[in-house]
């Protein structure tokens, strides 16, 4: 079952996203899902450069057995000022990514693993766009669980990045450290912040004391 919620609590308004309204890294709050706390909006994910510019490219979805294209136009009001090459390029180009690296796997692999469902044949980011816009569905718990496992406070990729920074005695925003992981985290709506890094690093230091 899919429903749409009106007035979902967020820290800013939709759909305009005026410049200066928020900064990447500010947590986005959903009153009905308090443990889902991304800090990048769907617009920011694409504006910053993600998926080699090819996320919304035309595809054949084996999940719904249908050719799909122009799916990003469902959220057309979000893309003002973003070049089309960052949205629906047919070819993946790592130079379109913020960190200039290639990461991720193919849609076909995700389909084979059973991670794609019919309501969102493009995957997690399509789910996030619709969730952010107000849709609620029976798949929300699975998708939030996946987000938490990847980039939540105990998420494996978020903690991998923090561990690498600590090992190299670097800064939380030193982009030369693990750019592939940083790019992957961006694809899940998250950028490591000073606050998150310092909190985690302190916890790890306390744990090391036994």
Protein backbone atom coordinates (compact mmCIF):
# COMPACT_ATOMS: atom_id res chain seq x y z
CA UNK A 1 0.00 0.00 0.00
CA UNK A 2 1.23 3.49 -0.90
CA UNK A 3 0.01 6.63 0.82
CA UNK A 4 1.01 10.28 0.68
CA UNK A 5 1.55 12.28 3.84
CA UNK A 6 0.80 15.96 4.01
CA UNK A 7 2.93 18.19 6.15
CA UNK A 8 5.82 15.81 6.80
CA UNK A 9 8.19 17.65 9.12
CA UNK A 10 11.40 18.84 7.47
CA UNK A 11 13.89 21.57 8.30
CA UNK A 12 13.07 23.52 5.17
CA UNK A 13 10.37 23.95 2.59
CA UNK A 14 9.62 22.20 -0.66
CA UNK A 15 9.82 22.56 -3.55
CA UNK A 16 11.84 25.73 -4.16
CA UNK A 17 15.18 25.09 -2.39
CA UNK A 18 16.26 28.72 -2.53
CA UNK A 19 20.01 29.27 -2.38
CA UNK A 20 21.15 29.70 1.20
CA UNK A 21 18.12 27.99 2.67
CA UNK A 22 20.22 25.13 4.05
CA UNK A 23 23.71 23.70 3.88
CA UNK A 24 24.76 20.20 2.96
CA UNK A 25 25.39 18.34 6.19
CA UNK A 26 22.35 19.70 8.02
CA UNK A 27 20.23 16.75 9.08
CA UNK A 28 16.88 16.33 7.33
CA UNK A 29 14.24 15.31 9.88
CA UNK A 30 11.14 13.24 9.21
CA UNK A 31 8.78 13.21 12.19
CA UNK A 32 7.34 9.80 11.26
CA UNK A 33 10.79 8.20 10.70
CA UNK A 34 13.07 9.77 13.34
CA UNK A 35 15.91 7.28 12.77
CA UNK A 36 16.16 8.15 9.06
CA UNK A 37 18.46 11.17 9.06
CA UNK A 38 20.11 11.88 5.70
CA UNK A 39 21.91 15.19 5.38
CA UNK A 40 21.64 15.68 1.62
CA UNK A 41 18.40 16.36 -0.24
CA UNK A 42 17.65 14.60 -3.53
CA UNK A 43 18.48 17.83 -5.36
CA UNK A 44 21.84 18.09 -3.59
CA UNK A 45 22.75 14.50 -4.45
CA UNK A 46 22.50 15.32 -8.17
CA UNK A 47 23.68 18.92 -8.00
CA UNK A 48 26.94 17.77 -6.42
CA UNK A 49 27.53 15.16 -9.14
CA UNK A 50 26.49 11.53 -8.68
CA UNK A 51 26.14 8.26 -10.58
CA UNK A 52 28.37 9.55 -13.35
CA UNK A 53 25.42 11.67 -14.46
CA UNK A 54 23.51 8.60 -15.62
CA UNK A 55 21.06 7.76 -12.84
CA UNK A 56 17.91 8.84 -14.71
CA UNK A 57 19.03 7.50 -18.10
CA UNK A 58 16.53 5.50 -20.16
CA UNK A 59 16.51 1.87 -18.99
CA UNK A 60 14.78 -1.40 -19.57
CA UNK A 61 13.58 -2.58 -16.18
CA UNK A 62 13.44 -6.35 -15.88
CA UNK A 63 11.49 -5.86 -12.65
CA UNK A 64 8.51 -4.23 -14.35
CA UNK A 65 9.32 -5.55 -17.88
CA UNK A 66 9.13 -2.08 -19.35
CA UNK A 67 11.27 0.54 -21.06
CA UNK A 68 11.47 3.60 -18.83
CA UNK A 69 12.66 7.13 -19.51
CA UNK A 70 12.19 10.69 -18.26
CA UNK A 71 11.42 9.42 -14.77
CA UNK A 72 13.20 12.43 -13.27
CA UNK A 73 10.48 14.71 -14.63
CA UNK A 74 8.29 13.56 -11.75
CA UNK A 75 10.46 15.91 -9.68
CA UNK A 76 11.03 18.53 -12.37
CA UNK A 77 10.77 21.45 -9.96
CA UNK A 78 13.89 20.23 -8.13
CA UNK A 79 16.26 20.31 -11.09
CA UNK A 80 16.25 24.01 -11.95
CA UNK A 81 19.83 25.07 -12.63
CA UNK A 82 21.19 21.51 -12.79
CA UNK A 83 22.65 20.52 -16.14
CA UNK A 84 20.90 17.61 -17.84
CA UNK A 85 24.28 15.86 -18.10
CA UNK A 86 24.17 15.38 -14.32
CA UNK A 87 20.76 13.74 -14.49
CA UNK A 88 20.11 11.51 -17.48
CA UNK A 89 23.29 11.00 -19.50
CA UNK A 90 23.25 7.65 -21.28
CA UNK A 91 26.91 6.99 -20.44
CA UNK A 92 28.54 6.97 -17.01
CA UNK A 93 31.36 9.52 -16.70
CA UNK A 94 33.29 9.58 -13.43
CA UNK A 95 34.32 13.17 -14.13
CA UNK A 96 30.73 14.21 -13.51
CA UNK A 97 30.99 12.85 -9.96
CA UNK A 98 31.97 15.21 -7.18
CA UNK A 99 34.99 13.12 -6.21
CA UNK A 100 35.97 12.22 -9.80
CA UNK A 101 35.92 8.49 -9.11
CA UNK A 102 33.81 5.60 -10.30
CA UNK A 103 31.79 3.66 -7.76
CA UNK A 104 28.75 1.46 -7.58
CA UNK A 105 27.54 -1.51 -9.58
CA UNK A 106 25.07 -2.03 -12.41
CA UNK A 107 21.30 -1.85 -12.29
CA UNK A 108 21.24 -5.41 -13.60
CA UNK A 109 23.20 -6.64 -10.59
CA UNK A 110 20.84 -4.86 -8.20
CA UNK A 111 17.88 -6.43 -9.97
CA UNK A 112 19.43 -9.90 -9.80
CA UNK A 113 20.02 -9.49 -6.06
CA UNK A 114 16.35 -8.67 -5.55
CA UNK A 115 17.13 -5.21 -4.15
CA UNK A 116 14.93 -3.41 -6.70
CA UNK A 117 11.14 -3.57 -6.37
CA UNK A 118 8.48 -2.62 -8.86
CA UNK A 119 7.30 0.59 -7.24
CA UNK A 120 10.78 2.15 -7.61
CA UNK A 121 12.49 0.44 -10.57
CA UNK A 122 15.43 2.86 -10.54
CA UNK A 123 16.35 1.94 -6.98
CA UNK A 124 17.00 3.57 -3.64
CA UNK A 125 17.38 7.16 -4.79
CA UNK A 126 14.05 7.02 -6.62
CA UNK A 127 12.52 5.70 -3.42
CA UNK A 128 14.18 8.56 -1.48
CA UNK A 129 12.88 11.18 -3.91
CA UNK A 130 9.33 9.92 -3.47
CA UNK A 131 9.66 9.49 0.29
CA UNK A 132 11.07 13.02 0.57
CA UNK A 133 8.16 14.37 -1.44
CA UNK A 134 5.67 12.75 0.93
CA UNK A 135 4.92 9.24 -0.30
CA UNK A 136 4.79 6.48 2.31
CA UNK A 137 4.73 2.79 1.41
CA UNK A 138 5.24 -0.70 2.80
CA UNK A 139 8.80 -0.66 1.42
CA UNK A 140 9.89 2.23 3.66
CA UNK A 141 11.14 0.07 6.53
CA UNK A 142 13.36 -1.96 4.19
CA UNK A 143 14.79 1.10 2.52
CA UNK A 144 15.44 2.94 5.79
CA UNK A 145 17.09 -0.22 7.14
CA UNK A 146 19.36 -0.35 4.10
CA UNK A 147 20.29 3.31 4.58
CA UNK A 148 21.12 2.75 8.24
CA UNK A 149 23.27 -0.30 7.45
CA UNK A 150 25.23 1.68 4.89
CA UNK A 151 25.48 5.19 6.30
CA UNK A 152 23.76 5.37 9.69
CA UNK A 153 25.78 5.94 12.87
CA UNK A 154 26.84 2.27 12.78
CA UNK A 155 26.78 2.00 9.01
CA UNK A 156 29.65 0.06 7.51
CA UNK A 157 30.71 2.63 4.89
CA UNK A 158 30.43 5.62 7.18
CA UNK A 159 32.56 3.88 9.79
CA UNK A 160 35.01 2.63 7.18
CA UNK A 161 35.60 6.26 6.14
CA UNK A 162 36.00 7.41 9.74
CA UNK A 163 38.48 4.62 10.46
CA UNK A 164 40.53 5.54 7.37
CA UNK A 165 40.65 9.19 8.41
CA UNK A 166 41.79 8.24 11.92
CA UNK A 167 44.43 5.88 10.55
CA UNK A 168 45.82 8.59 8.28
CA UNK A 169 45.51 11.27 10.97
CA UNK A 170 43.54 13.34 8.52
CA UNK A 171 40.63 15.75 8.59
CA UNK A 172 36.99 14.75 8.29
CA UNK A 173 36.74 16.73 5.02
CA UNK A 174 40.04 15.63 3.47
CA UNK A 175 38.62 14.44 0.17
CA UNK A 176 41.77 12.59 -0.88
CA UNK A 177 41.04 10.04 1.85
CA UNK A 178 38.67 7.35 0.53
CA UNK A 179 37.03 9.33 -2.29
CA UNK A 180 35.19 6.21 -3.52
CA UNK A 181 33.56 5.75 -0.12
CA UNK A 182 32.70 9.45 0.04
CA UNK A 183 31.08 9.23 -3.38
CA UNK A 184 29.15 6.13 -2.34
CA UNK A 185 27.89 7.85 0.81
CA UNK A 186 26.72 10.78 -1.30
CA UNK A 187 24.65 8.36 -3.37
CA UNK A 188 22.87 7.48 -0.12
CA UNK A 189 22.21 11.09 0.84
CA UNK A 190 25.01 11.56 3.35
CA UNK A 191 28.19 13.62 3.73
CA UNK A 192 30.47 13.16 6.73
CA UNK A 193 30.39 16.20 9.03
CA UNK A 194 32.83 17.39 11.66
CA UNK A 195 30.28 16.69 14.38
CA UNK A 196 29.66 13.10 13.24
CA UNK A 197 33.37 12.44 12.83
CA UNK A 198 34.36 13.81 16.23
CA UNK A 199 31.53 12.01 18.02
CA UNK A 200 32.46 8.68 16.43
CA UNK A 201 36.19 9.18 16.95
CA UNK A 202 35.60 9.91 20.64
CA UNK A 203 33.47 6.78 21.01
CA UNK A 204 36.17 4.69 19.37
CA UNK A 205 38.83 6.16 21.67
CA UNK A 206 36.71 5.41 24.76
CA UNK A 207 36.16 1.84 23.55
CA UNK A 208 39.90 1.39 23.09
CA UNK A 209 40.43 2.15 26.78
CA UNK A 210 38.46 -0.97 27.69
